[in-house]
Protein backbone atom coordinates (compact mmCIF):
# COMPACT_ATOMS: atom_id res chain seq x y z
CA MET A 1 58.54 103.65 160.62
CA LEU A 2 61.94 104.10 162.30
CA VAL A 3 62.56 102.86 165.85
CA HIS A 4 65.68 103.68 167.88
CA GLN A 5 66.22 102.40 171.42
CA ARG A 6 68.85 103.62 173.90
CA ARG A 7 70.01 102.27 177.24
CA ASN A 8 70.02 105.66 178.93
CA GLY A 9 69.18 109.23 178.02
CA SER A 10 66.46 110.54 175.79
CA VAL A 11 66.31 109.90 172.05
CA THR A 12 66.75 113.02 169.90
CA ASP A 13 66.18 113.66 166.22
CA SER A 14 69.92 113.36 165.51
CA ASN A 15 69.81 109.69 166.60
CA PHE A 16 67.65 108.95 163.55
CA ASP A 17 69.84 110.73 160.98
CA GLU A 18 71.93 107.72 159.96
CA LEU A 19 69.00 105.29 160.01
CA ARG A 20 66.94 107.75 157.95
CA GLY A 21 69.77 107.96 155.43
CA LEU A 22 69.93 104.18 155.19
CA ALA A 23 66.16 103.91 154.69
CA GLU A 24 66.16 106.56 151.98
CA SER A 25 69.17 104.92 150.28
CA ALA A 26 67.12 101.72 150.09
CA GLY A 27 64.28 103.63 148.39
CA GLY A 28 62.01 104.06 151.41
CA CYS A 29 59.98 107.03 152.57
CA VAL A 30 60.13 107.71 156.30
CA VAL A 31 56.73 108.65 157.75
CA ALA A 32 57.50 108.67 161.50
CA CYS A 33 60.21 108.04 164.10
CA ILE A 34 59.72 106.53 167.54
CA GLY A 35 62.31 106.55 170.33
CA ALA A 36 62.54 104.15 173.24
CA MET A 37 64.68 103.85 176.38
CA ARG A 38 65.35 100.56 178.19
CA ARG A 39 68.31 99.52 180.31
CA ALA A 40 68.18 96.05 178.76
CA PRO A 41 66.28 94.82 175.66
CA GLU A 42 63.11 92.89 176.41
CA ALA A 43 63.55 89.22 175.45
CA GLY A 44 60.23 88.87 173.65
CA THR A 45 59.80 92.13 171.75
CA PHE A 46 63.11 94.01 172.26
CA VAL A 47 61.26 97.28 173.03
CA GLY A 48 58.72 95.96 175.56
CA ARG A 49 55.02 95.21 175.19
CA GLY A 50 53.86 98.76 175.85
CA LYS A 51 56.24 100.34 173.36
CA ALA A 52 55.40 97.62 170.83
CA GLN A 53 51.71 98.54 171.09
CA GLU A 54 52.65 102.22 170.67
CA ILE A 55 54.50 101.30 167.49
CA ALA A 56 51.49 99.32 166.28
CA ASP A 57 49.18 102.32 166.82
CA ALA A 58 51.60 104.60 164.95
CA VAL A 59 51.80 102.11 162.07
CA THR A 60 48.01 102.17 161.78
CA ALA A 61 47.84 105.96 162.02
CA HIS A 62 50.49 106.56 159.33
CA CYS A 63 49.60 103.54 157.15
CA ALA A 64 53.19 102.35 157.34
CA ASP A 65 54.07 99.01 155.74
CA LEU A 66 57.54 98.52 157.25
CA VAL A 67 59.13 98.99 160.69
CA ILE A 68 62.94 99.36 160.86
CA ILE A 69 64.71 98.79 164.17
CA ASP A 70 68.03 100.63 164.45
CA GLN A 71 69.62 97.77 166.41
CA THR A 72 70.05 94.08 165.70
CA ILE A 73 67.10 91.98 166.90
CA SER A 74 66.67 88.23 167.21
CA PRO A 75 64.33 86.17 164.99
CA VAL A 76 61.94 85.64 167.92
CA GLN A 77 61.75 89.39 168.62
CA GLU A 78 61.19 90.06 164.93
CA ARG A 79 58.35 87.56 164.74
CA ASN A 80 56.65 88.84 167.90
CA LEU A 81 56.82 92.46 166.72
CA GLU A 82 55.27 91.48 163.39
CA LYS A 83 52.35 89.82 165.20
CA ILE A 84 51.71 92.97 167.25
CA THR A 85 52.22 95.60 164.51
CA HIS A 86 50.68 93.54 161.65
CA CYS A 87 53.43 94.63 159.24
CA ARG A 88 56.94 93.62 158.26
CA VAL A 89 59.74 94.30 160.76
CA ILE A 90 63.45 94.33 159.87
CA ASP A 91 66.58 95.36 161.75
CA ARG A 92 69.64 97.40 160.81
CA THR A 93 71.52 94.40 159.41
CA ARG A 94 68.73 93.43 157.02
CA LEU A 95 68.44 97.03 155.85
CA ILE A 96 72.17 97.21 155.03
CA LEU A 97 71.94 93.91 153.15
CA ASP A 98 69.04 95.26 151.08
CA ILE A 99 71.07 98.35 150.15
CA PHE A 100 74.02 96.17 149.17
CA ALA A 101 71.75 94.02 146.99
CA LEU A 102 70.51 97.20 145.32
CA ARG A 103 74.03 98.50 144.62
CA ALA A 104 75.83 95.30 143.54
CA GLN A 105 76.84 95.46 139.88
CA THR A 106 79.74 93.05 139.37
CA HIS A 107 79.48 89.26 139.47
CA GLU A 108 81.64 89.07 142.58
CA GLY A 109 79.61 91.73 144.37
CA LYS A 110 76.36 89.87 143.68
CA LEU A 111 77.84 86.62 144.98
CA GLN A 112 79.02 88.32 148.16
CA VAL A 113 75.66 89.99 148.79
CA GLU A 114 73.76 86.75 148.25
CA LEU A 115 76.07 84.89 150.63
CA ALA A 116 75.56 87.51 153.34
CA GLN A 117 71.79 87.47 152.83
CA LEU A 118 71.57 83.69 153.03
CA ARG A 119 73.66 83.61 156.22
CA HIS A 120 71.33 86.18 157.75
CA LEU A 121 68.24 84.31 156.51
CA SER A 122 69.39 80.93 157.82
CA THR A 123 68.46 81.94 161.39
CA ARG A 124 65.04 83.25 160.34
CA LEU A 125 63.44 80.19 158.77
CA VAL A 126 61.16 79.56 161.75
CA ARG A 127 58.18 80.67 159.69
CA GLY A 128 58.84 78.06 156.99
CA TRP A 129 56.05 75.84 155.80
CA THR A 130 55.18 72.74 157.78
CA HIS A 131 52.76 71.07 155.33
CA LEU A 132 55.21 68.29 154.46
CA GLU A 133 54.80 65.63 157.11
CA ARG A 134 57.30 63.24 158.61
CA GLN A 135 57.18 59.57 157.71
CA ARG A 136 54.61 57.53 159.58
CA GLY A 137 52.80 54.23 159.10
CA GLY A 138 49.81 53.70 156.89
CA ILE A 139 49.07 53.59 153.18
CA GLY A 140 49.31 57.04 151.64
CA LEU A 141 50.78 58.60 154.78
CA ARG A 142 54.45 58.10 154.03
CA GLY A 143 55.79 61.65 153.59
CA PRO A 144 59.23 62.69 152.27
CA GLY A 145 60.75 62.37 155.72
CA GLU A 146 61.28 66.05 156.47
CA THR A 147 59.20 69.17 156.90
CA GLN A 148 59.32 72.09 154.49
CA LEU A 149 61.39 73.98 157.08
CA GLU A 150 64.03 71.27 157.04
CA THR A 151 63.98 71.18 153.23
CA ASP A 152 64.49 74.95 153.03
CA ARG A 153 67.32 74.77 155.54
CA ARG A 154 69.05 71.98 153.61
CA LEU A 155 68.74 73.79 150.28
CA LEU A 156 69.99 76.96 151.95
CA ASN A 157 73.14 75.21 153.18
CA VAL A 158 73.74 73.76 149.72
CA ARG A 159 73.53 77.21 148.16
CA ILE A 160 75.83 78.73 150.81
CA ARG A 161 78.50 76.09 150.13
CA TYR A 162 78.20 76.73 146.41
CA LEU A 163 78.64 80.49 146.85
CA GLN A 164 81.62 79.96 149.13
CA SER A 165 83.34 77.81 146.53
CA ARG A 166 82.70 80.41 143.81
CA LEU A 167 84.06 83.20 146.00
CA VAL A 168 87.19 81.16 146.69
CA LYS A 169 87.87 81.06 142.94
CA VAL A 170 87.24 84.79 142.62
CA GLY A 171 89.57 85.38 145.58
CA LEU A 172 92.31 83.38 143.84
CA GLN A 173 91.93 85.55 140.73
CA ARG A 174 92.23 88.70 142.82
CA GLY A 175 95.29 87.22 144.50
CA LEU A 176 96.94 86.63 141.12
CA ARG A 177 96.36 90.27 140.15
CA ARG A 178 97.76 91.46 143.48
CA ASN A 179 100.83 89.27 143.06
CA ARG A 180 101.38 90.68 139.60
CA ARG A 181 101.24 94.24 140.89
CA ARG A 182 103.60 93.24 143.70
CA ARG A 183 106.08 91.76 141.19
CA GLU A 184 105.91 94.90 139.08
CA ARG A 185 106.42 96.97 142.25
CA VAL A 186 103.36 99.16 141.60
CA PRO A 187 102.22 100.63 144.95
CA THR A 188 98.53 100.43 145.79
CA ILE A 189 96.66 103.24 147.57
CA ALA A 190 93.27 102.26 149.03
CA ILE A 191 90.64 104.87 149.86
CA VAL A 192 88.78 103.86 153.03
CA GLY A 193 86.46 105.60 155.44
CA TYR A 194 82.96 105.96 156.76
CA THR A 195 80.13 105.68 154.28
CA ASN A 196 79.11 108.92 152.52
CA ALA A 197 82.39 110.64 153.43
CA GLY A 198 83.08 111.50 149.79
CA LYS A 199 85.45 108.64 148.89
CA SER A 200 84.15 108.15 145.34
CA SER A 201 84.19 111.91 144.69
CA LEU A 202 87.82 112.03 145.86
CA PHE A 203 88.62 108.98 143.72
CA ASN A 204 87.10 110.63 140.64
CA ARG A 205 88.97 113.88 141.32
CA LEU A 206 92.37 112.20 141.77
CA ALA A 207 92.16 109.58 139.00
CA ASP A 208 89.98 111.59 136.60
CA ALA A 209 87.47 108.73 136.70
CA SER A 210 83.69 108.60 136.46
CA SER A 211 82.69 106.23 139.26
CA TYR A 212 79.15 106.61 140.58
CA SER A 213 79.00 109.05 143.46
CA ALA A 214 75.95 110.44 145.24
CA ASP A 215 74.94 111.98 148.55
CA GLN A 216 73.66 108.70 149.94
CA LEU A 217 74.93 105.90 152.14
CA PHE A 218 76.70 102.99 150.41
CA ALA A 219 76.66 104.61 146.98
CA THR A 220 79.76 102.49 146.21
CA LEU A 221 79.76 98.73 146.70
CA ASP A 222 82.07 97.22 144.09
CA PRO A 223 85.77 98.19 144.33
CA THR A 224 87.20 100.22 141.45
CA MET A 225 90.88 100.64 140.51
CA ARG A 226 92.57 103.24 138.34
CA LYS A 227 96.12 104.24 137.51
CA LEU A 228 97.37 107.48 139.05
CA GLU A 229 100.53 109.43 138.18
CA LEU A 230 102.01 111.09 141.26
CA PRO A 231 104.23 114.10 140.53
CA GLY A 232 107.78 113.38 141.59
CA TYR A 233 107.10 109.70 142.26
CA GLY A 234 105.59 107.77 139.36
CA SER A 235 102.67 105.41 138.75
CA VAL A 236 100.48 103.99 141.51
CA VAL A 237 97.17 102.13 141.62
CA LEU A 238 94.29 103.93 143.34
CA SER A 239 91.48 101.77 144.75
CA ASP A 240 87.99 102.92 145.76
CA THR A 241 86.32 100.61 148.31
CA VAL A 242 83.00 100.14 150.07
CA GLY A 243 82.35 102.44 153.01
CA PHE A 244 82.28 101.36 156.64
CA ILE A 245 79.46 102.01 159.08
CA LYS A 246 78.73 101.71 162.77
CA GLY A 247 77.59 98.23 163.77
CA LEU A 248 78.73 96.59 160.53
CA PRO A 249 77.69 92.93 160.99
CA HIS A 250 80.55 90.48 161.47
CA ALA A 251 79.05 88.04 158.95
CA LEU A 252 78.88 90.83 156.42
CA VAL A 253 82.59 91.59 156.85
CA GLN A 254 83.35 87.89 156.37
CA ALA A 255 81.27 87.76 153.18
CA PHE A 256 83.16 90.76 151.79
CA LEU A 257 86.54 89.53 153.00
CA SER A 258 87.88 88.93 149.47
CA THR A 259 87.07 92.55 148.58
CA LEU A 260 88.49 93.94 151.81
CA GLU A 261 91.72 92.04 151.12
CA GLU A 262 92.46 94.83 148.65
CA VAL A 263 92.57 97.14 151.66
CA SER A 264 94.68 94.86 153.85
CA SER A 265 97.25 94.39 151.05
CA ALA A 266 97.55 98.10 150.17
CA ASP A 267 100.81 100.00 150.61
CA LEU A 268 99.08 103.18 151.81
CA LEU A 269 95.59 104.07 153.04
CA LEU A 270 93.70 107.30 152.44
CA ARG A 271 91.37 107.49 155.44
CA VAL A 272 88.65 109.87 154.29
CA THR A 273 86.38 111.56 156.84
CA ASP A 274 83.58 114.10 156.51
CA ASP A 275 84.98 117.32 157.96
CA ALA A 276 81.47 118.76 158.34
CA GLN A 277 80.20 115.95 160.59
CA PRO A 278 79.91 116.79 164.31
CA ASP A 279 80.66 113.16 165.34
CA LEU A 280 83.81 112.96 163.22
CA ARG A 281 85.94 111.36 165.96
CA GLU A 282 83.35 108.65 166.65
CA ARG A 283 83.23 107.72 162.98
CA GLU A 284 87.02 107.53 162.83
CA LEU A 285 86.92 105.07 165.75
CA GLU A 286 84.39 102.93 163.88
CA VAL A 287 86.75 102.84 160.89
CA ASP A 288 89.57 101.79 163.26
CA ASN A 289 87.46 98.88 164.50
CA VAL A 290 86.78 97.55 161.00
CA LEU A 291 90.41 97.99 159.91
CA GLU A 292 91.53 96.09 162.99
CA GLU A 293 89.09 93.30 162.18
CA ILE A 294 90.55 92.83 158.68
CA GLY A 295 94.16 93.28 159.83
CA ALA A 296 94.82 96.63 158.14
CA LEU A 297 95.20 98.93 161.13
CA GLN A 298 99.01 98.99 160.98
CA ILE A 299 99.23 100.05 157.32
CA PRO A 300 100.66 103.58 156.84
CA ALA A 301 97.84 106.05 156.30
CA ILE A 302 97.01 109.67 155.57
CA THR A 303 93.90 111.23 157.09
CA VAL A 304 91.93 113.21 154.50
CA ARG A 305 89.34 115.60 155.91
CA ASN A 306 86.97 115.98 152.97
CA LYS A 307 84.12 118.46 152.40
CA CYS A 308 86.00 121.42 153.86
CA ASP A 309 83.87 123.61 151.59
CA LEU A 310 80.97 122.73 153.91
CA SER A 311 82.91 122.96 157.18
CA GLY A 312 84.47 126.33 156.21
CA LYS A 313 87.98 125.31 157.34
CA ALA A 314 91.18 126.09 155.45
CA THR A 315 92.46 123.55 152.93
CA GLY A 316 95.94 122.04 152.82
CA ARG A 317 98.12 120.11 155.23
CA VAL A 318 97.26 120.42 158.92
CA ASP A 319 100.32 120.81 161.15
CA SER A 320 99.51 118.91 164.34
CA SER A 321 102.11 117.19 166.49
CA SER A 322 99.42 115.39 168.52
CA GLU A 323 98.21 113.33 165.55
CA GLU A 324 99.88 110.07 164.59
CA ARG A 325 99.12 110.47 160.89
CA ALA A 326 99.45 113.36 158.48
CA ILE A 327 96.19 115.28 158.00
CA VAL A 328 95.21 117.05 154.78
CA ARG A 329 91.98 119.02 154.34
CA VAL A 330 90.52 118.95 150.84
CA SER A 331 87.30 119.44 148.95
CA ALA A 332 86.70 116.76 146.34
CA GLU A 333 83.75 118.78 145.03
CA THR A 334 85.74 121.95 144.24
CA GLY A 335 89.24 120.46 143.91
CA GLN A 336 90.76 122.59 146.68
CA GLY A 337 93.70 121.08 148.53
CA MET A 338 94.40 118.40 145.89
CA ASP A 339 97.94 119.62 145.21
CA ALA A 340 98.82 119.33 148.91
CA LEU A 341 97.32 115.83 149.01
CA LEU A 342 99.31 114.67 145.98
CA GLU A 343 102.52 116.03 147.52
CA GLU A 344 101.78 114.20 150.77
CA LEU A 345 101.07 110.97 148.89
CA ALA A 346 104.38 111.18 147.03
CA SER A 347 106.21 112.04 150.26
CA GLN A 348 104.74 109.07 152.16
CA LEU A 349 105.48 106.56 149.40
CA ALA A 350 109.00 107.94 148.84
CA LYS A 351 109.96 107.03 152.42
CA THR A 352 110.46 103.42 151.32
CA ARG A 353 112.88 104.42 148.56
CA GLN A 354 116.61 105.10 148.77
CA PRO A 355 118.81 107.10 146.36
CA CYS A 356 121.12 105.09 144.12
CA VAL A 357 123.57 105.92 141.32
CA LEU A 358 124.48 103.55 138.48
CA ARG A 359 127.02 103.87 135.66
CA LEU A 360 126.22 101.83 132.57
CA PRO A 361 128.31 101.23 129.44
CA ALA A 362 126.95 102.84 126.30
CA GLY A 363 125.77 99.50 124.93
CA GLN A 364 123.41 98.72 127.83
CA GLY A 365 120.33 100.31 126.29
CA ARG A 366 117.98 97.46 127.23
CA LEU A 367 119.07 97.57 130.89
CA ARG A 368 118.70 101.36 130.86
CA ALA A 369 115.09 101.00 129.62
CA ARG A 370 114.35 98.46 132.36
CA ILE A 371 115.75 100.81 135.02
CA TYR A 372 113.46 103.55 133.71
CA ALA A 373 110.49 101.17 133.89
CA LEU A 374 111.17 100.01 137.45
CA THR A 375 112.50 103.09 139.23
CA ALA A 376 112.00 106.84 139.47
CA VAL A 377 114.89 108.40 137.55
CA GLU A 378 115.94 111.71 139.04
CA LYS A 379 118.85 112.59 136.76
CA GLU A 380 120.80 111.16 133.84
CA SER A 381 124.08 112.30 132.28
CA VAL A 382 126.83 111.02 130.00
CA THR A 383 130.53 111.00 130.94
CA GLU A 384 133.41 111.90 128.67
CA GLN A 385 134.00 108.17 128.06
CA GLY A 386 130.40 107.80 126.77
CA GLU A 387 129.12 105.96 129.83
CA ILE A 388 125.62 106.65 131.16
CA VAL A 389 125.30 107.82 134.77
CA ILE A 390 121.76 107.45 136.18
CA ARG A 391 120.63 108.73 139.57
CA VAL A 392 117.48 106.85 140.64
CA SER A 393 115.26 106.36 143.67
CA ALA A 394 114.11 102.78 144.40
CA ASP A 395 113.10 100.49 147.24
CA ALA A 396 114.96 97.32 148.23
CA PRO A 397 112.80 94.81 146.26
CA THR A 398 113.20 96.89 143.09
CA ILE A 399 116.97 97.02 143.55
CA GLY A 400 116.91 93.25 143.87
CA ARG A 401 115.02 92.94 140.57
CA ILE A 402 117.58 95.11 138.82
CA GLU A 403 120.43 92.99 140.16
CA LYS A 404 118.75 89.82 138.86
CA ASP A 405 118.72 91.14 135.29
CA PRO A 406 121.04 89.00 133.08
CA ASP A 407 122.76 92.12 131.68
CA PHE A 408 123.48 93.57 135.10
CA ASP A 409 126.96 93.56 136.62
CA PRO A 410 127.62 94.40 140.29
CA CYS A 411 130.29 96.87 139.15
CA PHE A 412 127.56 99.08 137.67
CA TRP A 413 126.76 100.37 141.16
CA VAL A 414 128.38 103.68 142.07
CA ASP A 415 126.30 104.37 145.17
CA ARG A 416 123.57 102.14 146.48
CA GLY A 417 122.49 104.30 149.40
CA ARG A 418 124.53 102.30 151.89
CA ALA A 419 125.70 103.51 155.26
CA GLU A 420 128.96 105.44 155.45
CA GLY A 421 131.97 103.11 155.40
CA ASP A 422 130.39 100.40 153.22
CA LYS A 423 132.24 99.44 150.08
CA VAL A 424 130.74 100.93 146.93
CA GLY A 425 130.74 99.37 143.49
CA CYS A 426 133.59 99.63 141.03
CA VAL A 427 133.89 100.11 137.30
CA LYS A 428 133.49 97.07 135.05
CA GLY A 429 137.22 96.89 134.34
CA GLY A 430 137.91 95.98 137.97
CA SER A 431 139.30 99.31 139.20
CA THR A 432 138.31 100.22 142.77
CA GLU A 433 138.70 103.93 142.16
CA GLU A 434 135.40 105.72 142.67
CA PRO A 435 134.30 107.10 139.28
CA ARG A 436 133.56 110.73 138.66
CA TYR A 437 130.11 111.76 137.56
CA PRO A 438 128.32 115.06 137.19
């Protein structure tokens, strides 16, 4: 049984679409939907006594065994509703946690889900057992000193601290991998967006991967990374992440902070949206809120309007001067618009690079191989004297790594992309004459 309450206006069938999708993703079968309208939630039952009795009658009529409230309710409201309806009552947060527990596959994902569940459960232990008595005088009446509720709460806190310590270690391991990619100067592209926007399908299409994708909410929970070769740029790392949703609990974001760090440390974001959704703008705002919460709102991004085969709009880059970010319409299902997206990806990442020209002696084969490994070589030629002239495109940190190579000499630079009037490099013999190269 689905229940949705609004502050003003009537409740329509479209208000239940997302909650219905969440319930079906968790394996439930929706038998009825009930709407309610209150200017302020009722303290005892959230929906009011009369509406609670209406829900109880509907539960009896449809033989429902679970009531799902679309908003977040307090433990007291949950307990009172269960007494009136005589069945289990959960809110939107608990439903999302159940879906995450169903989807978690990796060790880290299971730890994060358990931590979020325990944090949510810690405020709902009011129904714990009370058969263990406090200490009192008399032979045979000296109990353990705490009730079962207090014992459960203590054990819960012990388990939460244990999970937090384990996740700290996992976070350190992820940090080491990120630092290694940063040292190797491999850009990371993170795919983010609202849940069920087609992120995993786009990830599989771009990286030729086989990640699980389905037409359901939160089909992806554990992040997946693959290598991607961008035409005209080189190798990048593509990351598929968990989807965002309206009203994502703050505690849940904190529990998944180590996973969302992959998003906040990315060089470029692919913000995927469902082009066929009527509330597309509202969902983009929800994504903005989550990105701002994890400190990733300022990262350069490309807006990808997916599922254009359903919306019927033309694929390719959208020319719009009113938008802050570049917009590309694609269809991950059919592959339309992928070439335009790859070109836009290479164009965005190439903005951080600058053209450079180096002239190496013929015996610097090892340095030449390192330059090929670190930069995007645009052209290479050999002079009449047998020297190698390489035209590359690289960012400032990569140029610094080349200069730190023990075989490198500052005179190898011919042009380092400096402003007009700066002194350029010279040949290794000490001449300041600018060399000729094809």
